[in-house]
Amino acid sequence: MTKDNIKSLMVDLSCDDILKCQNARRSLIAFGHEAVPSLVEALGSKKHWVRWEAAKALAHIADPSAAQALVDALRDKEFDVRWLAAEGLIKIGYKSLKPLLTALIDHSDSMWLRQGAHHVLHDMDKGKFDELISPLLPALNDSEPAEFIPVLAEKTLESLRTEKI
């Protein structure tokens, strides 16, 4: 029954009625982890508002299984989707670091990814990992050359691996 409910809500999420979309998002958030796969799929929608609603719901749910999809959404063409994806990664916390750093290694040429990663790393409560992550922040500023980012991200990722998060 739950899968049918989620499927129905996903249809409502992609309709043209704003209130229906918002209500569907709220209901999907209530399903929590069970709704994550469908919401991750919705991040690939051609419709801007569907990606926005999916990113917003995933940010509220903050399930680590959505981290990679939210990292990918940091390269969305729409700023508000990228912002919501970053907010979701911040809420997920440490478990979003590995996919984020890997994306920076693989796609450091993406200005949107760099901006989103800066937002995430700046706002995340890094605790004991602050020293490991802080050298990467200045490199993510637009004024820094992008070619240093993969090296710094790889170094940070390797340091995190030794910390076993």
N, C-alpha and C. Protein backbone atom coordinates (compact mmCIF):
# COMPACT_ATOMS: atom_id res chain seq x y z
N MET A 1 0.83 -1.21 0.00
CA MET A 1 0.00 0.00 0.00
C MET A 1 0.87 1.26 0.00
N THR A 2 1.94 1.22 0.76
CA THR A 2 2.82 2.40 0.84
C THR A 2 3.38 2.78 -0.52
N LYS A 3 3.82 1.79 -1.30
CA LYS A 3 4.38 2.08 -2.63
C LYS A 3 3.33 2.72 -3.53
N ASP A 4 2.10 2.26 -3.44
CA ASP A 4 1.02 2.85 -4.23
C ASP A 4 0.77 4.29 -3.80
N ASN A 5 0.81 4.53 -2.50
CA ASN A 5 0.63 5.90 -1.98
C ASN A 5 1.73 6.81 -2.49
N ILE A 6 2.96 6.33 -2.42
CA ILE A 6 4.10 7.13 -2.88
C ILE A 6 3.99 7.39 -4.38
N LYS A 7 3.63 6.37 -5.13
CA LYS A 7 3.47 6.53 -6.57
C LYS A 7 2.42 7.58 -6.89
N SER A 8 1.31 7.54 -6.20
CA SER A 8 0.23 8.52 -6.39
C SER A 8 0.70 9.93 -6.03
N LEU A 9 1.42 10.03 -4.94
CA LEU A 9 1.95 11.34 -4.52
C LEU A 9 2.97 11.88 -5.51
N MET A 10 3.74 11.00 -6.13
CA MET A 10 4.71 11.45 -7.13
C MET A 10 4.01 12.00 -8.36
N VAL A 11 2.87 11.43 -8.71
CA VAL A 11 2.07 11.97 -9.81
C VAL A 11 1.59 13.37 -9.43
N ASP A 12 1.09 13.51 -8.20
CA ASP A 12 0.63 14.82 -7.73
C ASP A 12 1.78 15.83 -7.69
N LEU A 13 2.98 15.36 -7.36
CA LEU A 13 4.14 16.25 -7.27
C LEU A 13 4.47 16.88 -8.62
N SER A 14 4.15 16.17 -9.68
CA SER A 14 4.51 16.67 -11.01
C SER A 14 3.35 17.35 -11.75
N CYS A 15 2.22 17.56 -11.05
CA CYS A 15 1.09 18.21 -11.71
C CYS A 15 1.31 19.73 -11.77
N ASP A 16 0.38 20.41 -12.40
CA ASP A 16 0.49 21.87 -12.57
C ASP A 16 -0.17 22.66 -11.45
N ASP A 17 -0.78 21.99 -10.50
CA ASP A 17 -1.46 22.64 -9.38
C ASP A 17 -0.46 22.80 -8.22
N ILE A 18 -0.07 24.03 -7.94
CA ILE A 18 0.96 24.31 -6.94
C ILE A 18 0.59 23.76 -5.57
N LEU A 19 -0.64 23.97 -5.15
CA LEU A 19 -1.05 23.48 -3.83
C LEU A 19 -1.01 21.96 -3.76
N LYS A 20 -1.41 21.31 -4.84
CA LYS A 20 -1.38 19.85 -4.88
C LYS A 20 0.07 19.35 -4.79
N CYS A 21 0.97 20.05 -5.48
CA CYS A 21 2.40 19.70 -5.44
C CYS A 21 2.95 19.86 -4.02
N GLN A 22 2.63 20.97 -3.38
CA GLN A 22 3.11 21.21 -2.01
C GLN A 22 2.57 20.16 -1.05
N ASN A 23 1.31 19.85 -1.17
CA ASN A 23 0.71 18.82 -0.29
C ASN A 23 1.35 17.46 -0.54
N ALA A 24 1.63 17.15 -1.80
CA ALA A 24 2.29 15.89 -2.12
C ALA A 24 3.68 15.85 -1.49
N ARG A 25 4.42 16.96 -1.60
CA ARG A 25 5.76 17.02 -1.00
C ARG A 25 5.68 16.77 0.50
N ARG A 26 4.76 17.44 1.17
CA ARG A 26 4.62 17.27 2.62
C ARG A 26 4.30 15.81 2.99
N SER A 27 3.45 15.20 2.21
CA SER A 27 3.11 13.79 2.48
C SER A 27 4.30 12.88 2.21
N LEU A 28 5.04 13.17 1.16
CA LEU A 28 6.23 12.36 0.85
C LEU A 28 7.28 12.50 1.95
N ILE A 29 7.41 13.68 2.50
CA ILE A 29 8.34 13.89 3.63
C ILE A 29 7.93 13.01 4.80
N ALA A 30 6.62 12.90 5.02
CA ALA A 30 6.13 12.06 6.13
C ALA A 30 6.47 10.59 5.92
N PHE A 31 6.56 10.15 4.67
CA PHE A 31 6.96 8.77 4.40
C PHE A 31 8.45 8.55 4.67
N GLY A 32 9.21 9.63 4.68
CA GLY A 32 10.64 9.53 5.01
C GLY A 32 11.42 8.67 4.04
N HIS A 33 12.23 7.78 4.60
CA HIS A 33 13.16 6.95 3.83
C HIS A 33 12.47 6.20 2.68
N GLU A 34 11.25 5.77 2.88
CA GLU A 34 10.53 5.01 1.85
C GLU A 34 10.31 5.83 0.57
N ALA A 35 10.23 7.16 0.70
CA ALA A 35 9.98 8.01 -0.45
C ALA A 35 11.26 8.42 -1.17
N VAL A 36 12.40 8.18 -0.57
CA VAL A 36 13.67 8.68 -1.12
C VAL A 36 13.93 8.20 -2.55
N PRO A 37 13.81 6.91 -2.87
CA PRO A 37 14.09 6.51 -4.25
C PRO A 37 13.24 7.25 -5.30
N SER A 38 11.97 7.45 -5.01
CA SER A 38 11.10 8.16 -5.95
C SER A 38 11.49 9.63 -6.05
N LEU A 39 11.85 10.23 -4.93
CA LEU A 39 12.26 11.64 -4.94
C LEU A 39 13.60 11.82 -5.67
N VAL A 40 14.49 10.87 -5.49
CA VAL A 40 15.78 10.91 -6.21
C VAL A 40 15.51 10.86 -7.70
N GLU A 41 14.62 10.00 -8.12
CA GLU A 41 14.27 9.91 -9.54
C GLU A 41 13.68 11.23 -10.03
N ALA A 42 12.88 11.88 -9.21
CA ALA A 42 12.25 13.15 -9.59
C ALA A 42 13.27 14.28 -9.76
N LEU A 43 14.44 14.14 -9.16
CA LEU A 43 15.49 15.15 -9.36
C LEU A 43 15.94 15.22 -10.82
N GLY A 44 15.64 14.18 -11.57
CA GLY A 44 15.99 14.16 -12.99
C GLY A 44 14.89 14.65 -13.91
N SER A 45 13.80 15.15 -13.34
CA SER A 45 12.68 15.63 -14.14
C SER A 45 13.08 16.82 -15.02
N LYS A 46 12.42 16.96 -16.15
CA LYS A 46 12.64 18.12 -17.00
C LYS A 46 11.94 19.36 -16.43
N LYS A 47 10.97 19.12 -15.55
CA LYS A 47 10.20 20.23 -14.98
C LYS A 47 10.93 20.80 -13.77
N HIS A 48 11.19 22.08 -13.83
CA HIS A 48 11.91 22.78 -12.77
C HIS A 48 11.23 22.60 -11.41
N TRP A 49 9.91 22.81 -11.35
CA TRP A 49 9.23 22.76 -10.06
C TRP A 49 9.23 21.36 -9.46
N VAL A 50 9.28 20.34 -10.30
CA VAL A 50 9.34 18.96 -9.79
C VAL A 50 10.71 18.73 -9.15
N ARG A 51 11.77 19.18 -9.81
CA ARG A 51 13.12 19.05 -9.22
C ARG A 51 13.20 19.85 -7.92
N TRP A 52 12.57 21.03 -7.91
CA TRP A 52 12.57 21.87 -6.71
C TRP A 52 11.86 21.16 -5.57
N GLU A 53 10.66 20.65 -5.83
CA GLU A 53 9.89 19.95 -4.80
C GLU A 53 10.66 18.71 -4.30
N ALA A 54 11.27 17.97 -5.22
CA ALA A 54 12.02 16.77 -4.83
C ALA A 54 13.23 17.15 -3.97
N ALA A 55 13.96 18.19 -4.38
CA ALA A 55 15.12 18.63 -3.60
C ALA A 55 14.70 19.11 -2.22
N LYS A 56 13.60 19.84 -2.16
CA LYS A 56 13.10 20.34 -0.88
C LYS A 56 12.72 19.17 0.03
N ALA A 57 12.01 18.19 -0.52
CA ALA A 57 11.62 17.03 0.28
C ALA A 57 12.85 16.26 0.75
N LEU A 58 13.80 16.03 -0.14
CA LEU A 58 15.02 15.30 0.24
C LEU A 58 15.82 16.06 1.29
N ALA A 59 15.81 17.37 1.21
CA ALA A 59 16.51 18.18 2.23
C ALA A 59 15.86 17.99 3.59
N HIS A 60 14.54 17.91 3.62
CA HIS A 60 13.83 17.70 4.90
C HIS A 60 14.06 16.29 5.44
N ILE A 61 14.04 15.31 4.55
CA ILE A 61 14.21 13.92 4.99
C ILE A 61 15.64 13.68 5.45
N ALA A 62 16.60 14.27 4.74
CA ALA A 62 18.03 14.18 5.10
C ALA A 62 18.52 12.73 5.26
N ASP A 63 18.14 11.91 4.31
CA ASP A 63 18.55 10.51 4.33
C ASP A 63 19.89 10.37 3.60
N PRO A 64 20.88 9.76 4.23
CA PRO A 64 22.19 9.62 3.59
C PRO A 64 22.15 8.90 2.24
N SER A 65 21.14 8.07 2.00
CA SER A 65 21.06 7.38 0.72
C SER A 65 20.78 8.35 -0.44
N ALA A 66 20.38 9.56 -0.14
CA ALA A 66 20.12 10.56 -1.18
C ALA A 66 21.32 11.48 -1.42
N ALA A 67 22.40 11.26 -0.69
CA ALA A 67 23.55 12.17 -0.77
C ALA A 67 24.09 12.30 -2.19
N GLN A 68 24.30 11.19 -2.87
CA GLN A 68 24.86 11.25 -4.23
C GLN A 68 23.93 12.02 -5.17
N ALA A 69 22.64 11.77 -5.09
CA ALA A 69 21.69 12.48 -5.95
C ALA A 69 21.68 13.98 -5.65
N LEU A 70 21.80 14.33 -4.38
CA LEU A 70 21.85 15.76 -4.02
C LEU A 70 23.16 16.39 -4.49
N VAL A 71 24.24 15.65 -4.42
CA VAL A 71 25.51 16.16 -4.96
C VAL A 71 25.35 16.40 -6.46
N ASP A 72 24.75 15.46 -7.16
CA ASP A 72 24.52 15.63 -8.60
C ASP A 72 23.64 16.86 -8.86
N ALA A 73 22.68 17.11 -7.98
CA ALA A 73 21.78 18.26 -8.15
C ALA A 73 22.49 19.60 -7.92
N LEU A 74 23.67 19.57 -7.37
CA LEU A 74 24.44 20.82 -7.22
C LEU A 74 24.85 21.37 -8.59
N ARG A 75 24.68 20.58 -9.63
CA ARG A 75 24.98 21.04 -10.99
C ARG A 75 23.73 21.32 -11.80
N ASP A 76 22.57 21.37 -11.13
CA ASP A 76 21.30 21.68 -11.81
C ASP A 76 21.38 23.08 -12.41
N LYS A 77 20.68 23.30 -13.50
CA LYS A 77 20.72 24.62 -14.16
C LYS A 77 19.99 25.69 -13.37
N GLU A 78 19.14 25.29 -12.42
CA GLU A 78 18.38 26.26 -11.64
C GLU A 78 19.01 26.46 -10.26
N PHE A 79 19.24 27.72 -9.93
CA PHE A 79 19.90 28.07 -8.67
C PHE A 79 19.15 27.53 -7.46
N ASP A 80 17.81 27.67 -7.44
CA ASP A 80 17.07 27.27 -6.26
C ASP A 80 17.13 25.76 -6.01
N VAL A 81 17.20 24.97 -7.07
CA VAL A 81 17.36 23.52 -6.91
C VAL A 81 18.75 23.23 -6.32
N ARG A 82 19.75 23.92 -6.84
CA ARG A 82 21.12 23.73 -6.31
C ARG A 82 21.18 24.11 -4.83
N TRP A 83 20.54 25.20 -4.48
CA TRP A 83 20.54 25.67 -3.09
C TRP A 83 19.88 24.63 -2.16
N LEU A 84 18.73 24.13 -2.57
CA LEU A 84 18.03 23.12 -1.76
C LEU A 84 18.86 21.84 -1.65
N ALA A 85 19.53 21.47 -2.73
CA ALA A 85 20.40 20.29 -2.68
C ALA A 85 21.52 20.50 -1.67
N ALA A 86 22.10 21.68 -1.68
CA ALA A 86 23.17 21.98 -0.70
C ALA A 86 22.63 21.94 0.72
N GLU A 87 21.44 22.48 0.92
CA GLU A 87 20.84 22.44 2.25
C GLU A 87 20.61 21.01 2.71
N GLY A 88 20.20 20.15 1.80
CA GLY A 88 20.01 18.74 2.13
C GLY A 88 21.32 18.07 2.51
N LEU A 89 22.38 18.38 1.79
CA LEU A 89 23.69 17.81 2.10
C LEU A 89 24.20 18.29 3.45
N ILE A 90 23.93 19.54 3.77
CA ILE A 90 24.32 20.08 5.08
C ILE A 90 23.60 19.30 6.18
N LYS A 91 22.31 19.05 5.98
CA LYS A 91 21.54 18.32 6.99
C LYS A 91 21.99 16.87 7.11
N ILE A 92 22.39 16.27 6.00
CA ILE A 92 22.88 14.89 6.04
C ILE A 92 24.19 14.83 6.82
N GLY A 93 25.00 15.85 6.68
CA GLY A 93 26.23 15.93 7.45
C GLY A 93 27.37 15.12 6.89
N TYR A 94 28.14 14.49 7.76
CA TYR A 94 29.37 13.79 7.39
C TYR A 94 29.19 12.80 6.26
N LYS A 95 28.05 12.15 6.21
CA LYS A 95 27.84 11.12 5.19
C LYS A 95 27.71 11.70 3.79
N SER A 96 27.62 13.01 3.69
CA SER A 96 27.59 13.63 2.37
C SER A 96 28.99 14.03 1.89
N LEU A 97 29.97 13.96 2.76
CA LEU A 97 31.31 14.42 2.40
C LEU A 97 31.98 13.59 1.32
N LYS A 98 31.93 12.28 1.42
CA LYS A 98 32.61 11.45 0.42
C LYS A 98 32.06 11.66 -0.99
N PRO A 99 30.73 11.61 -1.18
CA PRO A 99 30.24 11.86 -2.55
C PRO A 99 30.53 13.29 -3.02
N LEU A 100 30.50 14.24 -2.10
CA LEU A 100 30.78 15.64 -2.48
C LEU A 100 32.23 15.80 -2.91
N LEU A 101 33.15 15.25 -2.14
CA LEU A 101 34.57 15.35 -2.48
C LEU A 101 34.88 14.60 -3.77
N THR A 102 34.27 13.46 -3.96
CA THR A 102 34.46 12.70 -5.19
C THR A 102 33.97 13.50 -6.40
N ALA A 103 32.85 14.17 -6.26
CA ALA A 103 32.33 15.01 -7.35
C ALA A 103 33.29 16.15 -7.65
N LEU A 104 33.89 16.72 -6.62
CA LEU A 104 34.85 17.80 -6.84
C LEU A 104 36.10 17.30 -7.57
N ILE A 105 36.47 16.06 -7.31
CA ILE A 105 37.61 15.47 -8.02
C ILE A 105 37.25 15.26 -9.49
N ASP A 106 36.05 14.76 -9.74
CA ASP A 106 35.63 14.41 -11.10
C ASP A 106 35.10 15.58 -11.92
N HIS A 107 34.55 16.60 -11.26
CA HIS A 107 33.87 17.69 -11.98
C HIS A 107 34.27 19.07 -11.46
N SER A 108 35.54 19.25 -11.19
CA SER A 108 35.98 20.54 -10.63
C SER A 108 35.78 21.70 -11.59
N ASP A 109 35.53 21.40 -12.85
CA ASP A 109 35.31 22.46 -13.83
C ASP A 109 33.91 23.09 -13.71
N SER A 110 33.03 22.47 -12.93
CA SER A 110 31.68 23.00 -12.77
C SER A 110 31.66 24.09 -11.70
N MET A 111 31.43 25.32 -12.14
CA MET A 111 31.36 26.44 -11.21
C MET A 111 30.19 26.25 -10.24
N TRP A 112 29.07 25.73 -10.73
CA TRP A 112 27.91 25.52 -9.87
C TRP A 112 28.22 24.49 -8.79
N LEU A 113 28.91 23.42 -9.15
CA LEU A 113 29.30 22.42 -8.16
C LEU A 113 30.23 23.03 -7.12
N ARG A 114 31.20 23.81 -7.57
CA ARG A 114 32.14 24.44 -6.63
C ARG A 114 31.41 25.38 -5.68
N GLN A 115 30.46 26.16 -6.20
CA GLN A 115 29.70 27.07 -5.35
C GLN A 115 28.87 26.29 -4.34
N GLY A 116 28.21 25.25 -4.79
CA GLY A 116 27.40 24.42 -3.89
C GLY A 116 28.25 23.73 -2.84
N ALA A 117 29.40 23.22 -3.26
CA ALA A 117 30.31 22.55 -2.31
C ALA A 117 30.80 23.55 -1.26
N HIS A 118 31.09 24.77 -1.69
CA HIS A 118 31.52 25.80 -0.74
C HIS A 118 30.43 26.04 0.29
N HIS A 119 29.20 26.18 -0.18
CA HIS A 119 28.05 26.38 0.72
C HIS A 119 27.97 25.23 1.73
N VAL A 120 28.03 24.01 1.23
CA VAL A 120 27.91 22.83 2.09
C VAL A 120 29.04 22.80 3.12
N LEU A 121 30.27 22.91 2.64
CA LEU A 121 31.42 22.78 3.54
C LEU A 121 31.53 23.95 4.52
N HIS A 122 31.08 25.11 4.10
CA HIS A 122 31.11 26.28 4.98
C HIS A 122 30.09 26.16 6.10
N ASP A 123 28.88 25.69 5.75
CA ASP A 123 27.78 25.68 6.71
C ASP A 123 27.65 24.39 7.52
N MET A 124 28.28 23.34 7.08
CA MET A 124 28.18 22.06 7.78
C MET A 124 28.92 22.15 9.12
N ASP A 125 28.33 21.54 10.13
CA ASP A 125 28.99 21.42 11.42
C ASP A 125 30.03 20.32 11.29
N LYS A 126 31.27 20.71 11.10
CA LYS A 126 32.31 19.75 10.77
C LYS A 126 32.99 19.13 11.99
N GLY A 127 32.82 19.74 13.13
CA GLY A 127 33.40 19.17 14.34
C GLY A 127 34.87 18.85 14.19
N LYS A 128 35.24 17.61 14.45
CA LYS A 128 36.65 17.21 14.41
C LYS A 128 37.22 17.21 12.99
N PHE A 129 36.36 17.30 11.97
CA PHE A 129 36.84 17.29 10.59
C PHE A 129 37.11 18.69 10.05
N ASP A 130 36.89 19.70 10.87
CA ASP A 130 37.07 21.09 10.44
C ASP A 130 38.47 21.32 9.89
N GLU A 131 39.48 20.83 10.57
CA GLU A 131 40.87 21.02 10.12
C GLU A 131 41.12 20.36 8.78
N LEU A 132 40.47 19.23 8.53
CA LEU A 132 40.67 18.53 7.27
C LEU A 132 39.99 19.25 6.11
N ILE A 133 38.85 19.84 6.38
CA ILE A 133 38.05 20.44 5.32
C ILE A 133 38.40 21.90 5.05
N SER A 134 38.81 22.63 6.07
CA SER A 134 39.02 24.07 5.93
C SER A 134 40.02 24.46 4.84
N PRO A 135 41.07 23.70 4.53
CA PRO A 135 41.96 24.12 3.43
C PRO A 135 41.29 24.12 2.06
N LEU A 136 40.22 23.36 1.92
CA LEU A 136 39.54 23.28 0.64
C LEU A 136 38.65 24.49 0.38
N LEU A 137 38.15 25.12 1.44
CA LEU A 137 37.20 26.23 1.27
C LEU A 137 37.75 27.38 0.42
N PRO A 138 38.96 27.89 0.69
CA PRO A 138 39.44 29.00 -0.15
C PRO A 138 39.58 28.62 -1.62
N ALA A 139 39.91 27.37 -1.89
CA ALA A 139 40.06 26.93 -3.28
C ALA A 139 38.72 26.91 -4.02
N LEU A 140 37.62 26.81 -3.28
CA LEU A 140 36.31 26.76 -3.91
C LEU A 140 35.76 28.13 -4.26
N ASN A 141 36.44 29.18 -3.81
CA ASN A 141 36.03 30.53 -4.20
C ASN A 141 36.26 30.71 -5.69
N ASP A 142 35.42 31.48 -6.32
CA ASP A 142 35.54 31.70 -7.77
C ASP A 142 36.88 32.29 -8.18
N SER A 143 37.55 32.96 -7.27
CA SER A 143 38.81 33.62 -7.61
C SER A 143 39.98 32.64 -7.70
N GLU A 144 39.83 31.45 -7.18
CA GLU A 144 40.91 30.47 -7.19
C GLU A 144 40.86 29.63 -8.47
N PRO A 145 42.02 29.24 -9.01
CA PRO A 145 42.03 28.38 -10.19
C PRO A 145 41.44 27.00 -9.87
N ALA A 146 40.60 26.50 -10.75
CA ALA A 146 39.90 25.24 -10.53
C ALA A 146 40.83 24.03 -10.55
N GLU A 147 42.01 24.15 -11.15
CA GLU A 147 42.88 22.98 -11.27
C GLU A 147 43.44 22.50 -9.93
N PHE A 148 43.40 23.33 -8.89
CA PHE A 148 43.88 22.91 -7.58
C PHE A 148 42.82 22.13 -6.79
N ILE A 149 41.59 22.27 -7.18
CA ILE A 149 40.48 21.68 -6.43
C ILE A 149 40.55 20.15 -6.38
N PRO A 150 40.77 19.45 -7.51
CA PRO A 150 40.82 17.98 -7.43
C PRO A 150 41.93 17.48 -6.51
N VAL A 151 43.05 18.14 -6.52
CA VAL A 151 44.17 17.73 -5.66
C VAL A 151 43.80 17.91 -4.19
N LEU A 152 43.24 19.06 -3.86
CA LEU A 152 42.83 19.31 -2.48
C LEU A 152 41.68 18.40 -2.05
N ALA A 153 40.74 18.17 -2.96
CA ALA A 153 39.61 17.29 -2.63
C ALA A 153 40.09 15.86 -2.41
N GLU A 154 41.02 15.40 -3.23
CA GLU A 154 41.57 14.05 -3.07
C GLU A 154 42.32 13.93 -1.74
N LYS A 155 43.08 14.95 -1.41
CA LYS A 155 43.82 14.95 -0.14
C LYS A 155 42.84 14.92 1.04
N THR A 156 41.78 15.70 0.95
CA THR A 156 40.76 15.74 2.01
C THR A 156 40.04 14.40 2.11
N LEU A 157 39.70 13.83 0.95
CA LEU A 157 39.02 12.54 0.94
C LEU A 157 39.90 11.46 1.55
N GLU A 158 41.16 11.48 1.22
CA GLU A 158 42.09 10.48 1.79
C GLU A 158 42.19 10.66 3.32
N SER A 159 42.23 11.89 3.77
CA SER A 159 42.27 12.15 5.21
C SER A 159 41.00 11.65 5.89
N LEU A 160 39.86 11.84 5.24
CA LEU A 160 38.59 11.35 5.80
C LEU A 160 38.56 9.83 5.84
N ARG A 161 39.13 9.21 4.83
CA ARG A 161 39.19 7.73 4.82
C ARG A 161 39.99 7.20 6.00
N THR A 162 41.06 7.88 6.34
CA THR A 162 41.85 7.43 7.48
C THR A 162 41.11 7.65 8.79
N GLU A 163 40.18 8.62 8.78
CA GLU A 163 39.34 8.86 9.97
C GLU A 163 38.18 7.86 10.03
N LYS A 164 37.94 7.15 8.92
CA LYS A 164 36.90 6.11 8.84
C LYS A 164 35.50 6.62 9.14
N ILE A 165 35.11 7.67 8.42
CA ILE A 165 33.72 8.11 8.57
C ILE A 165 32.84 7.41 7.58
